[in-house]
């Protein structure tokens, strides 16, 4: 039990440091276009890295997950709304799970 408390305290300290250090160390605006571009895309890349593997692994058949991902990307690129894309992805997985 004491180890568990230590783990929680270390995790809290690291989380706090990651959030506070940039605020205290970077007082001037970031002028580097490369760094601005990098920081702009970090949230999207992080979300993608967490979401895409989960979409493929959450189904019984990886083929259904990949097909739903392809269907979602296609319709999102064509301008479909988020509920429509989500419904199409769910329907794709449902139909392919029944067939496969």
PDB file of N, CA and C in Angstrom:
ATOM      1  N   UNK A   1       0.814  -1.217   0.000  1.00  0.00           N
ATOM      2  CA  UNK A   1       0.000   0.000   0.000  1.00  0.00           C
ATOM      3  C   UNK A   1       0.854   1.275   0.000  1.00  0.00           C
ATOM      4  N   UNK A   2       1.958   1.327   0.766  1.00  0.00           N
ATOM      5  CA  UNK A   2       2.784   2.542   0.712  1.00  0.00           C
ATOM      6  C   UNK A   2       3.364   2.790  -0.682  1.00  0.00           C
ATOM      7  N   UNK A   3       3.674   1.711  -1.430  1.00  0.00           N
ATOM      8  CA  UNK A   3       4.172   1.892  -2.794  1.00  0.00           C
ATOM      9  C   UNK A   3       3.127   2.542  -3.684  1.00  0.00           C
ATOM     10  N   UNK A   4       1.872   2.182  -3.481  1.00  0.00           N
ATOM     11  CA  UNK A   4       0.788   2.754  -4.287  1.00  0.00           C
ATOM     12  C   UNK A   4       0.710   4.264  -4.069  1.00  0.00           C
ATOM     13  N   UNK A   5       0.834   4.700  -2.838  1.00  0.00           N
ATOM     14  CA  UNK A   5       0.794   6.130  -2.546  1.00  0.00           C
ATOM     15  C   UNK A   5       1.983   6.845  -3.183  1.00  0.00           C
ATOM     16  N   UNK A   6       3.135   6.215  -3.141  1.00  0.00           N
ATOM     17  CA  UNK A   6       4.321   6.790  -3.772  1.00  0.00           C
ATOM     18  C   UNK A   6       4.117   6.929  -5.285  1.00  0.00           C
ATOM     19  N   UNK A   7       3.548   5.898  -5.915  1.00  0.00           N
ATOM     20  CA  UNK A   7       3.281   5.959  -7.356  1.00  0.00           C
ATOM     21  C   UNK A   7       2.332   7.102  -7.691  1.00  0.00           C
ATOM     22  N   UNK A   8       1.295   7.259  -6.887  1.00  0.00           N
ATOM     23  CA  UNK A   8       0.321   8.329  -7.130  1.00  0.00           C
ATOM     24  C   UNK A   8       0.977   9.694  -6.966  1.00  0.00           C
ATOM     25  N   UNK A   9       1.802   9.853  -5.956  1.00  0.00           N
ATOM     26  CA  UNK A   9       2.485  11.134  -5.739  1.00  0.00           C
ATOM     27  C   UNK A   9       3.465  11.453  -6.870  1.00  0.00           C
ATOM     28  N   UNK A  10       4.199  10.462  -7.335  1.00  0.00           N
ATOM     29  CA  UNK A  10       5.125  10.685  -8.450  1.00  0.00           C
ATOM     30  C   UNK A  10       4.353  11.053  -9.714  1.00  0.00           C
ATOM     31  N   UNK A  11       3.260  10.346  -9.986  1.00  0.00           N
ATOM     32  CA  UNK A  11       2.445  10.660 -11.166  1.00  0.00           C
ATOM     33  C   UNK A  11       1.868  12.071 -11.066  1.00  0.00           C
ATOM     34  N   UNK A  12       1.421  12.464  -9.880  1.00  0.00           N
ATOM     35  CA  UNK A  12       0.885  13.816  -9.694  1.00  0.00           C
ATOM     36  C   UNK A  12       1.978  14.858  -9.892  1.00  0.00           C
ATOM     37  N   UNK A  13       3.175  14.592  -9.368  1.00  0.00           N
ATOM     38  CA  UNK A  13       4.282  15.531  -9.524  1.00  0.00           C
ATOM     39  C   UNK A  13       4.694  15.703 -10.977  1.00  0.00           C
ATOM     40  N   UNK A  14       4.780  14.606 -11.706  1.00  0.00           N
ATOM     41  CA  UNK A  14       5.150  14.681 -13.119  1.00  0.00           C
ATOM     42  C   UNK A  14       4.083  15.425 -13.914  1.00  0.00           C
ATOM     43  N   UNK A  15       2.820  15.118 -13.655  1.00  0.00           N
ATOM     44  CA  UNK A  15       1.730  15.802 -14.355  1.00  0.00           C
ATOM     45  C   UNK A  15       1.759  17.300 -14.073  1.00  0.00           C
ATOM     46  N   UNK A  16       1.973  17.658 -12.818  1.00  0.00           N
ATOM     47  CA  UNK A  16       2.037  19.076 -12.451  1.00  0.00           C
ATOM     48  C   UNK A  16       3.224  19.759 -13.126  1.00  0.00           C
ATOM     49  N   UNK A  17       4.382  19.091 -13.124  1.00  0.00           N
ATOM     50  CA  UNK A  17       5.578  19.681 -13.721  1.00  0.00           C
ATOM     51  C   UNK A  17       5.406  19.901 -15.221  1.00  0.00           C
ATOM     52  N   UNK A  18       4.788  18.951 -15.899  1.00  0.00           N
ATOM     53  CA  UNK A  18       4.582  19.075 -17.343  1.00  0.00           C
ATOM     54  C   UNK A  18       3.687  20.267 -17.667  1.00  0.00           C
ATOM     55  N   UNK A  19       2.773  20.582 -16.796  1.00  0.00           N
ATOM     56  CA  UNK A  19       1.865  21.699 -17.052  1.00  0.00           C
ATOM     57  C   UNK A  19       2.437  23.044 -16.599  1.00  0.00           C
ATOM     58  N   UNK A  20       3.234  23.055 -15.551  1.00  0.00           N
ATOM     59  CA  UNK A  20       3.717  24.313 -14.992  1.00  0.00           C
ATOM     60  C   UNK A  20       5.024  24.778 -15.641  1.00  0.00           C
ATOM     61  N   UNK A  21       5.913  23.868 -15.970  1.00  0.00           N
ATOM     62  CA  UNK A  21       7.215  24.271 -16.518  1.00  0.00           C
ATOM     63  C   UNK A  21       7.111  25.121 -17.780  1.00  0.00           C
ATOM     64  N   UNK A  22       6.286  24.769 -18.756  1.00  0.00           N
ATOM     65  CA  UNK A  22       6.188  25.653 -19.925  1.00  0.00           C
ATOM     66  C   UNK A  22       5.690  27.052 -19.570  1.00  0.00           C
ATOM     67  N   UNK A  23       4.793  27.150 -18.599  1.00  0.00           N
ATOM     68  CA  UNK A  23       4.286  28.469 -18.213  1.00  0.00           C
ATOM     69  C   UNK A  23       5.356  29.320 -17.542  1.00  0.00           C
ATOM     70  N   UNK A  24       6.234  28.681 -16.794  1.00  0.00           N
ATOM     71  CA  UNK A  24       7.266  29.445 -16.089  1.00  0.00           C
ATOM     72  C   UNK A  24       8.510  29.684 -16.934  1.00  0.00           C
ATOM     73  N   UNK A  25       8.848  28.770 -17.829  1.00  0.00           N
ATOM     74  CA  UNK A  25      10.075  28.902 -18.609  1.00  0.00           C
ATOM     75  C   UNK A  25       9.890  29.717 -19.889  1.00  0.00           C
ATOM     76  N   UNK A  26       8.724  29.659 -20.477  1.00  0.00           N
ATOM     77  CA  UNK A  26       8.475  30.365 -21.743  1.00  0.00           C
ATOM     78  C   UNK A  26       7.652  31.616 -21.468  1.00  0.00           C
ATOM     79  N   UNK A  27       8.328  32.715 -21.264  1.00  0.00           N
ATOM     80  CA  UNK A  27       7.619  33.969 -20.967  1.00  0.00           C
ATOM     81  C   UNK A  27       7.393  34.801 -22.235  1.00  0.00           C
ATOM     82  N   UNK A  28       8.216  34.576 -23.245  1.00  0.00           N
ATOM     83  CA  UNK A  28       8.066  35.311 -24.500  1.00  0.00           C
ATOM     84  C   UNK A  28       7.210  34.500 -25.473  1.00  0.00           C
ATOM     85  N   UNK A  29       6.570  35.158 -26.414  1.00  0.00           N
ATOM     86  CA  UNK A  29       5.841  34.406 -27.449  1.00  0.00           C
ATOM     87  C   UNK A  29       6.811  33.570 -28.284  1.00  0.00           C
ATOM     88  N   UNK A  30       6.340  32.450 -28.772  1.00  0.00           N
ATOM     89  CA  UNK A  30       7.156  31.570 -29.612  1.00  0.00           C
ATOM     90  C   UNK A  30       7.159  32.149 -31.020  1.00  0.00           C
ATOM     91  N   UNK A  31       8.347  32.444 -31.529  1.00  0.00           N
ATOM     92  CA  UNK A  31       8.445  33.074 -32.846  1.00  0.00           C
ATOM     93  C   UNK A  31       8.888  32.110 -33.938  1.00  0.00           C
ATOM     94  N   UNK A  32       9.366  30.958 -33.568  1.00  0.00           N
ATOM     95  CA  UNK A  32       9.840  29.996 -34.560  1.00  0.00           C
ATOM     96  C   UNK A  32       8.651  29.384 -35.310  1.00  0.00           C
ATOM     97  N   UNK A  33       8.583  29.535 -36.630  1.00  0.00           N
ATOM     98  CA  UNK A  33       7.471  28.942 -37.383  1.00  0.00           C
ATOM     99  C   UNK A  33       7.448  27.419 -37.273  1.00  0.00           C
ATOM    100  N   UNK A  34       8.635  26.798 -37.228  1.00  0.00           N
ATOM    101  CA  UNK A  34       8.683  25.344 -37.099  1.00  0.00           C
ATOM    102  C   UNK A  34       8.081  24.898 -35.778  1.00  0.00           C
ATOM    103  N   UNK A  35       8.473  25.544 -34.693  1.00  0.00           N
ATOM    104  CA  UNK A  35       7.958  25.175 -33.373  1.00  0.00           C
ATOM    105  C   UNK A  35       6.469  25.473 -33.250  1.00  0.00           C
ATOM    106  N   UNK A  36       6.010  26.582 -33.807  1.00  0.00           N
ATOM    107  CA  UNK A  36       4.579  26.895 -33.800  1.00  0.00           C
ATOM    108  C   UNK A  36       3.779  25.835 -34.556  1.00  0.00           C
ATOM    109  N   UNK A  37       4.282  25.447 -35.709  1.00  0.00           N
ATOM    110  CA  UNK A  37       3.607  24.416 -36.499  1.00  0.00           C
ATOM    111  C   UNK A  37       3.596  23.092 -35.748  1.00  0.00           C
ATOM    112  N   UNK A  38       4.718  22.730 -35.132  1.00  0.00           N
ATOM    113  CA  UNK A  38       4.808  21.488 -34.363  1.00  0.00           C
ATOM    114  C   UNK A  38       3.791  21.491 -33.229  1.00  0.00           C
ATOM    115  N   UNK A  39       3.729  22.563 -32.463  1.00  0.00           N
ATOM    116  CA  UNK A  39       2.807  22.638 -31.332  1.00  0.00           C
ATOM    117  C   UNK A  39       1.351  22.704 -31.778  1.00  0.00           C
ATOM    118  N   UNK A  40       1.107  23.234 -32.969  1.00  0.00           N
ATOM    119  CA  UNK A  40      -0.263  23.299 -33.481  1.00  0.00           C
ATOM    120  C   UNK A  40      -0.816  21.891 -33.756  1.00  0.00           C
ATOM    121  N   UNK A  41       0.022  21.018 -34.304  1.00  0.00           N
ATOM    122  CA  UNK A  41      -0.435  19.691 -34.702  1.00  0.00           C
ATOM    123  C   UNK A  41      -0.333  18.626 -33.617  1.00  0.00           C
ATOM    124  N   UNK A  42       0.305  18.901 -32.499  1.00  0.00           N
ATOM    125  CA  UNK A  42       0.472  17.899 -31.437  1.00  0.00           C
ATOM    126  C   UNK A  42      -0.869  17.340 -30.942  1.00  0.00           C
ATOM    127  N   UNK A  43      -1.896  18.152 -30.664  1.00  0.00           N
ATOM    128  CA  UNK A  43      -3.153  17.557 -30.187  1.00  0.00           C
ATOM    129  C   UNK A  43      -3.789  16.608 -31.204  1.00  0.00           C
ATOM    130  N   UNK A  44      -3.717  16.940 -32.478  1.00  0.00           N
ATOM    131  CA  UNK A  44      -4.322  16.090 -33.497  1.00  0.00           C
ATOM    132  C   UNK A  44      -3.582  14.763 -33.621  1.00  0.00           C
ATOM    133  N   UNK A  45      -2.278  14.827 -33.575  1.00  0.00           N
ATOM    134  CA  UNK A  45      -1.474  13.607 -33.688  1.00  0.00           C
ATOM    135  C   UNK A  45      -1.707  12.716 -32.472  1.00  0.00           C
ATOM    136  N   UNK A  46      -1.742  13.315 -31.289  1.00  0.00           N
ATOM    137  CA  UNK A  46      -1.966  12.540 -30.070  1.00  0.00           C
ATOM    138  C   UNK A  46      -3.326  11.856 -30.109  1.00  0.00           C
ATOM    139  N   UNK A  47      -4.357  12.569 -30.508  1.00  0.00           N
ATOM    140  CA  UNK A  47      -5.685  11.972 -30.611  1.00  0.00           C
ATOM    141  C   UNK A  47      -5.710  10.854 -31.640  1.00  0.00           C
ATOM    142  N   UNK A  48      -5.044  11.054 -32.757  1.00  0.00           N
ATOM    143  CA  UNK A  48      -5.005  10.023 -33.794  1.00  0.00           C
ATOM    144  C   UNK A  48      -4.292   8.766 -33.313  1.00  0.00           C
ATOM    145  N   UNK A  49      -3.175   8.964 -32.634  1.00  0.00           N
ATOM    146  CA  UNK A  49      -2.400   7.813 -32.157  1.00  0.00           C
ATOM    147  C   UNK A  49      -3.198   7.003 -31.143  1.00  0.00           C
ATOM    148  N   UNK A  50      -4.044   7.651 -30.373  1.00  0.00           N
ATOM    149  CA  UNK A  50      -4.857   6.928 -29.384  1.00  0.00           C
ATOM    150  C   UNK A  50      -6.110   6.327 -30.006  1.00  0.00           C
ATOM    151  N   UNK A  51      -6.682   6.987 -31.004  1.00  0.00           N
ATOM    152  CA  UNK A  51      -7.979   6.578 -31.533  1.00  0.00           C
ATOM    153  C   UNK A  51      -7.885   5.503 -32.602  1.00  0.00           C
ATOM    154  N   UNK A  52      -7.003   5.652 -33.570  1.00  0.00           N
ATOM    155  CA  UNK A  52      -6.981   4.732 -34.704  1.00  0.00           C
ATOM    156  C   UNK A  52      -6.690   3.286 -34.313  1.00  0.00           C
ATOM    157  N   UNK A  53      -5.709   3.003 -33.469  1.00  0.00           N
ATOM    158  CA  UNK A  53      -5.522   1.599 -33.071  1.00  0.00           C
ATOM    159  C   UNK A  53      -6.719   1.039 -32.294  1.00  0.00           C
ATOM    160  N   UNK A  54      -7.353   1.884 -31.501  1.00  0.00           N
ATOM    161  CA  UNK A  54      -8.522   1.424 -30.749  1.00  0.00           C
ATOM    162  C   UNK A  54      -9.676   1.073 -31.678  1.00  0.00           C
ATOM    163  N   UNK A  55      -9.808   1.802 -32.776  1.00  0.00           N
ATOM    164  CA  UNK A  55     -10.887   1.497 -33.719  1.00  0.00           C
ATOM    165  C   UNK A  55     -10.693   0.121 -34.351  1.00  0.00           C
ATOM    166  N   UNK A  56      -9.468  -0.213 -34.649  1.00  0.00           N
ATOM    167  CA  UNK A  56      -9.186  -1.501 -35.288  1.00  0.00           C
ATOM    168  C   UNK A  56      -9.271  -2.646 -34.283  1.00  0.00           C
ATOM    169  N   UNK A  57      -8.792  -2.413 -33.060  1.00  0.00           N
ATOM    170  CA  UNK A  57      -8.754  -3.473 -32.058  1.00  0.00           C
ATOM    171  C   UNK A  57     -10.083  -3.682 -31.334  1.00  0.00           C
ATOM    172  N   UNK A  58     -10.996  -2.725 -31.380  1.00  0.00           N
ATOM    173  CA  UNK A  58     -12.244  -2.830 -30.636  1.00  0.00           C
ATOM    174  C   UNK A  58     -13.249  -3.774 -31.293  1.00  0.00           C
ATOM    175  N   UNK A  59     -13.050  -4.113 -32.535  1.00  0.00           N
ATOM    176  CA  UNK A  59     -13.988  -4.983 -33.236  1.00  0.00           C
ATOM    177  C   UNK A  59     -13.522  -6.435 -33.159  1.00  0.00           C
ATOM    178  N   UNK A  60     -14.442  -7.343 -33.445  1.00  0.00           N
ATOM    179  CA  UNK A  60     -14.083  -8.754 -33.441  1.00  0.00           C
ATOM    180  C   UNK A  60     -13.170  -9.091 -34.620  1.00  0.00           C
ATOM    181  N   UNK A  61     -13.369  -8.388 -35.702  1.00  0.00           N
ATOM    182  CA  UNK A  61     -12.551  -8.597 -36.888  1.00  0.00           C
ATOM    183  C   UNK A  61     -11.811  -7.302 -37.221  1.00  0.00           C
ATOM    184  N   UNK A  62     -10.495  -7.335 -37.307  1.00  0.00           N
ATOM    185  CA  UNK A  62      -9.767  -6.118 -37.665  1.00  0.00           C
ATOM    186  C   UNK A  62     -10.174  -5.564 -39.029  1.00  0.00           C
ATOM    187  N   UNK A  63     -10.659  -6.423 -39.911  1.00  0.00           N
ATOM    188  CA  UNK A  63     -11.108  -5.959 -41.234  1.00  0.00           C
ATOM    189  C   UNK A  63     -12.281  -4.993 -41.078  1.00  0.00           C
ATOM    190  N   UNK A  64     -13.195  -5.295 -40.156  1.00  0.00           N
ATOM    191  CA  UNK A  64     -14.338  -4.410 -39.918  1.00  0.00           C
ATOM    192  C   UNK A  64     -13.870  -3.062 -39.380  1.00  0.00           C
ATOM    193  N   UNK A  65     -12.883  -3.073 -38.495  1.00  0.00           N
ATOM    194  CA  UNK A  65     -12.356  -1.831 -37.952  1.00  0.00           C
ATOM    195  C   UNK A  65     -11.672  -0.982 -39.005  1.00  0.00           C
ATOM    196  N   UNK A  66     -10.878  -1.613 -39.842  1.00  0.00           N
ATOM    197  CA  UNK A  66     -10.191  -0.880 -40.913  1.00  0.00           C
ATOM    198  C   UNK A  66     -11.199  -0.336 -41.919  1.00  0.00           C
ATOM    199  N   UNK A  67     -12.214  -1.120 -42.242  1.00  0.00           N
ATOM    200  CA  UNK A  67     -13.242  -0.656 -43.181  1.00  0.00           C
ATOM    201  C   UNK A  67     -14.017   0.530 -42.601  1.00  0.00           C
ATOM    202  N   UNK A  68     -14.330   0.461 -41.319  1.00  0.00           N
ATOM    203  CA  UNK A  68     -15.037   1.576 -40.680  1.00  0.00           C
ATOM    204  C   UNK A  68     -14.157   2.817 -40.642  1.00  0.00           C
ATOM    205  N   UNK A  69     -12.881   2.639 -40.387  1.00  0.00           N
ATOM    206  CA  UNK A  69     -11.947   3.766 -40.389  1.00  0.00           C
ATOM    207  C   UNK A  69     -11.886   4.401 -41.778  1.00  0.00           C
ATOM    208  N   UNK A  70     -11.781   3.571 -42.817  1.00  0.00           N
ATOM    209  CA  UNK A  70     -11.737   4.088 -44.182  1.00  0.00           C
ATOM    210  C   UNK A  70     -13.032   4.803 -44.541  1.00  0.00           C
ATOM    211  N   UNK A  71     -14.150   4.220 -44.141  1.00  0.00           N
ATOM    212  CA  UNK A  71     -15.448   4.838 -44.411  1.00  0.00           C
ATOM    213  C   UNK A  71     -15.566   6.182 -43.686  1.00  0.00           C
ATOM    214  N   UNK A  72     -15.123   6.222 -42.437  1.00  0.00           N
ATOM    215  CA  UNK A  72     -15.180   7.468 -41.674  1.00  0.00           C
ATOM    216  C   UNK A  72     -14.307   8.557 -42.259  1.00  0.00           C
ATOM    217  N   UNK A  73     -13.092   8.200 -42.652  1.00  0.00           N
ATOM    218  CA  UNK A  73     -12.190   9.184 -43.251  1.00  0.00           C
ATOM    219  C   UNK A  73     -12.773   9.705 -44.563  1.00  0.00           C
ATOM    220  N   UNK A  74     -13.314   8.805 -45.376  1.00  0.00           N
ATOM    221  CA  UNK A  74     -13.878   9.208 -46.661  1.00  0.00           C
ATOM    222  C   UNK A  74     -15.026  10.197 -46.486  1.00  0.00           C
ATOM    223  N   UNK A  75     -15.996   9.857 -45.621  1.00  0.00           N
ATOM    224  CA  UNK A  75     -17.163  10.727 -45.473  1.00  0.00           C
ATOM    225  C   UNK A  75     -16.839  12.010 -44.708  1.00  0.00           C
ATOM    226  N   UNK A  76     -15.896  11.958 -43.780  1.00  0.00           N
ATOM    227  CA  UNK A  76     -15.485  13.174 -43.088  1.00  0.00           C
ATOM    228  C   UNK A  76     -14.784  14.114 -44.063  1.00  0.00           C
ATOM    229  N   UNK A  77     -13.960  13.553 -44.945  1.00  0.00           N
ATOM    230  CA  UNK A  77     -13.283  14.367 -45.950  1.00  0.00           C
ATOM    231  C   UNK A  77     -14.286  15.000 -46.912  1.00  0.00           C
ATOM    232  N   UNK A  78     -15.367  14.296 -47.175  1.00  0.00           N
ATOM    233  CA  UNK A  78     -16.412  14.816 -48.073  1.00  0.00           C
ATOM    234  C   UNK A  78     -17.326  15.823 -47.389  1.00  0.00           C
ATOM    235  N   UNK A  79     -17.124  16.075 -46.066  1.00  0.00           N
ATOM    236  CA  UNK A  79     -17.873  17.121 -45.377  1.00  0.00           C
ATOM    237  C   UNK A  79     -19.056  16.639 -44.556  1.00  0.00           C
ATOM    238  N   UNK A  80     -19.169  15.346 -44.313  1.00  0.00           N
ATOM    239  CA  UNK A  80     -20.274  14.840 -43.506  1.00  0.00           C
ATOM    240  C   UNK A  80     -20.102  15.281 -42.052  1.00  0.00           C
ATOM    241  N   UNK A  81     -21.215  15.434 -41.349  1.00  0.00           N
ATOM    242  CA  UNK A  81     -21.165  15.856 -39.950  1.00  0.00           C
ATOM    243  C   UNK A  81     -20.666  14.712 -39.064  1.00  0.00           C
ATOM    244  N   UNK A  82     -20.244  15.060 -37.857  1.00  0.00           N
ATOM    245  CA  UNK A  82     -19.707  14.068 -36.934  1.00  0.00           C
ATOM    246  C   UNK A  82     -20.729  12.982 -36.586  1.00  0.00           C
ATOM    247  N   UNK A  83     -21.997  13.317 -36.279  1.00  0.00           N
ATOM    248  CA  UNK A  83     -22.952  12.231 -36.002  1.00  0.00           C
ATOM    249  C   UNK A  83     -23.173  11.309 -37.200  1.00  0.00           C
ATOM    250  N   UNK A  84     -23.176  11.881 -38.402  1.00  0.00           N
ATOM    251  CA  UNK A  84     -23.359  11.066 -39.597  1.00  0.00           C
ATOM    252  C   UNK A  84     -22.167  10.132 -39.809  1.00  0.00           C
ATOM    253  N   UNK A  85     -20.952  10.654 -39.623  1.00  0.00           N
ATOM    254  CA  UNK A  85     -19.751   9.835 -39.781  1.00  0.00           C
ATOM    255  C   UNK A  85     -19.737   8.721 -38.734  1.00  0.00           C
ATOM    256  N   UNK A  86     -20.072   9.057 -37.495  1.00  0.00           N
ATOM    257  CA  UNK A  86     -20.094   8.048 -36.434  1.00  0.00           C
ATOM    258  C   UNK A  86     -21.128   6.967 -36.727  1.00  0.00           C
ATOM    259  N   UNK A  87     -22.305   7.369 -37.201  1.00  0.00           N
ATOM    260  CA  UNK A  87     -23.340   6.393 -37.523  1.00  0.00           C
ATOM    261  C   UNK A  87     -22.917   5.493 -38.688  1.00  0.00           C
ATOM    262  N   UNK A  88     -22.289   6.077 -39.689  1.00  0.00           N
ATOM    263  CA  UNK A  88     -21.813   5.283 -40.823  1.00  0.00           C
ATOM    264  C   UNK A  88     -20.731   4.289 -40.394  1.00  0.00           C
ATOM    265  N   UNK A  89     -19.831   4.728 -39.526  1.00  0.00           N
ATOM    266  CA  UNK A  89     -18.779   3.824 -39.032  1.00  0.00           C
ATOM    267  C   UNK A  89     -19.386   2.686 -38.220  1.00  0.00           C
ATOM    268  N   UNK A  90     -20.325   3.009 -37.346  1.00  0.00           N
ATOM    269  CA  UNK A  90     -20.978   1.971 -36.539  1.00  0.00           C
ATOM    270  C   UNK A  90     -21.745   1.000 -37.425  1.00  0.00           C
ATOM    271  N   UNK A  91     -22.445   1.530 -38.428  1.00  0.00           N
ATOM    272  CA  UNK A  91     -23.172   0.665 -39.350  1.00  0.00           C
ATOM    273  C   UNK A  91     -22.248  -0.227 -40.153  1.00  0.00           C
ATOM    274  N   UNK A  92     -21.110   0.314 -40.554  1.00  0.00           N
ATOM    275  CA  UNK A  92     -20.127  -0.484 -41.295  1.00  0.00           C
ATOM    276  C   UNK A  92     -19.625  -1.642 -40.444  1.00  0.00           C
ATOM    277  N   UNK A  93     -19.283  -1.351 -39.199  1.00  0.00           N
ATOM    278  CA  UNK A  93     -18.805  -2.418 -38.304  1.00  0.00           C
ATOM    279  C   UNK A  93     -19.903  -3.447 -38.081  1.00  0.00           C
ATOM    280  N   UNK A  94     -21.127  -3.000 -37.848  1.00  0.00           N
ATOM    281  CA  UNK A  94     -22.239  -3.927 -37.606  1.00  0.00           C
ATOM    282  C   UNK A  94     -22.448  -4.851 -38.793  1.00  0.00           C
ATOM    283  N   UNK A  95     -22.513  -4.296 -39.987  1.00  0.00           N
ATOM    284  CA  UNK A  95     -22.748  -5.119 -41.167  1.00  0.00           C
ATOM    285  C   UNK A  95     -21.584  -6.096 -41.413  1.00  0.00           C
ATOM    286  N   UNK A  96     -20.363  -5.615 -41.287  1.00  0.00           N
ATOM    287  CA  UNK A  96     -19.223  -6.500 -41.526  1.00  0.00           C
ATOM    288  C   UNK A  96     -19.071  -7.553 -40.455  1.00  0.00           C
ATOM    289  N   UNK A  97     -19.438  -7.233 -39.231  1.00  0.00           N
ATOM    290  CA  UNK A  97     -19.381  -8.236 -38.160  1.00  0.00           C
ATOM    291  C   UNK A  97     -20.413  -9.337 -38.411  1.00  0.00           C
ATOM    292  N   UNK A  98     -21.561  -8.953 -38.956  1.00  0.00           N
ATOM    293  CA  UNK A  98     -22.586  -9.960 -39.259  1.00  0.00           C
ATOM    294  C   UNK A  98     -22.150 -10.851 -40.423  1.00  0.00           C
ATOM    295  N   UNK A  99     -21.484 -10.248 -41.400  1.00  0.00           N
ATOM    296  CA  UNK A  99     -21.069 -10.980 -42.582  1.00  0.00           C
ATOM    297  C   UNK A  99     -19.826 -11.835 -42.295  1.00  0.00           C
ATOM    298  N   UNK A 100     -18.859 -11.262 -41.630  1.00  0.00           N
ATOM    299  CA  UNK A 100     -17.611 -11.976 -41.370  1.00  0.00           C
ATOM    300  C   UNK A 100     -17.836 -12.841 -40.183  1.00  0.00           C
TER     301      UNK A 100
END
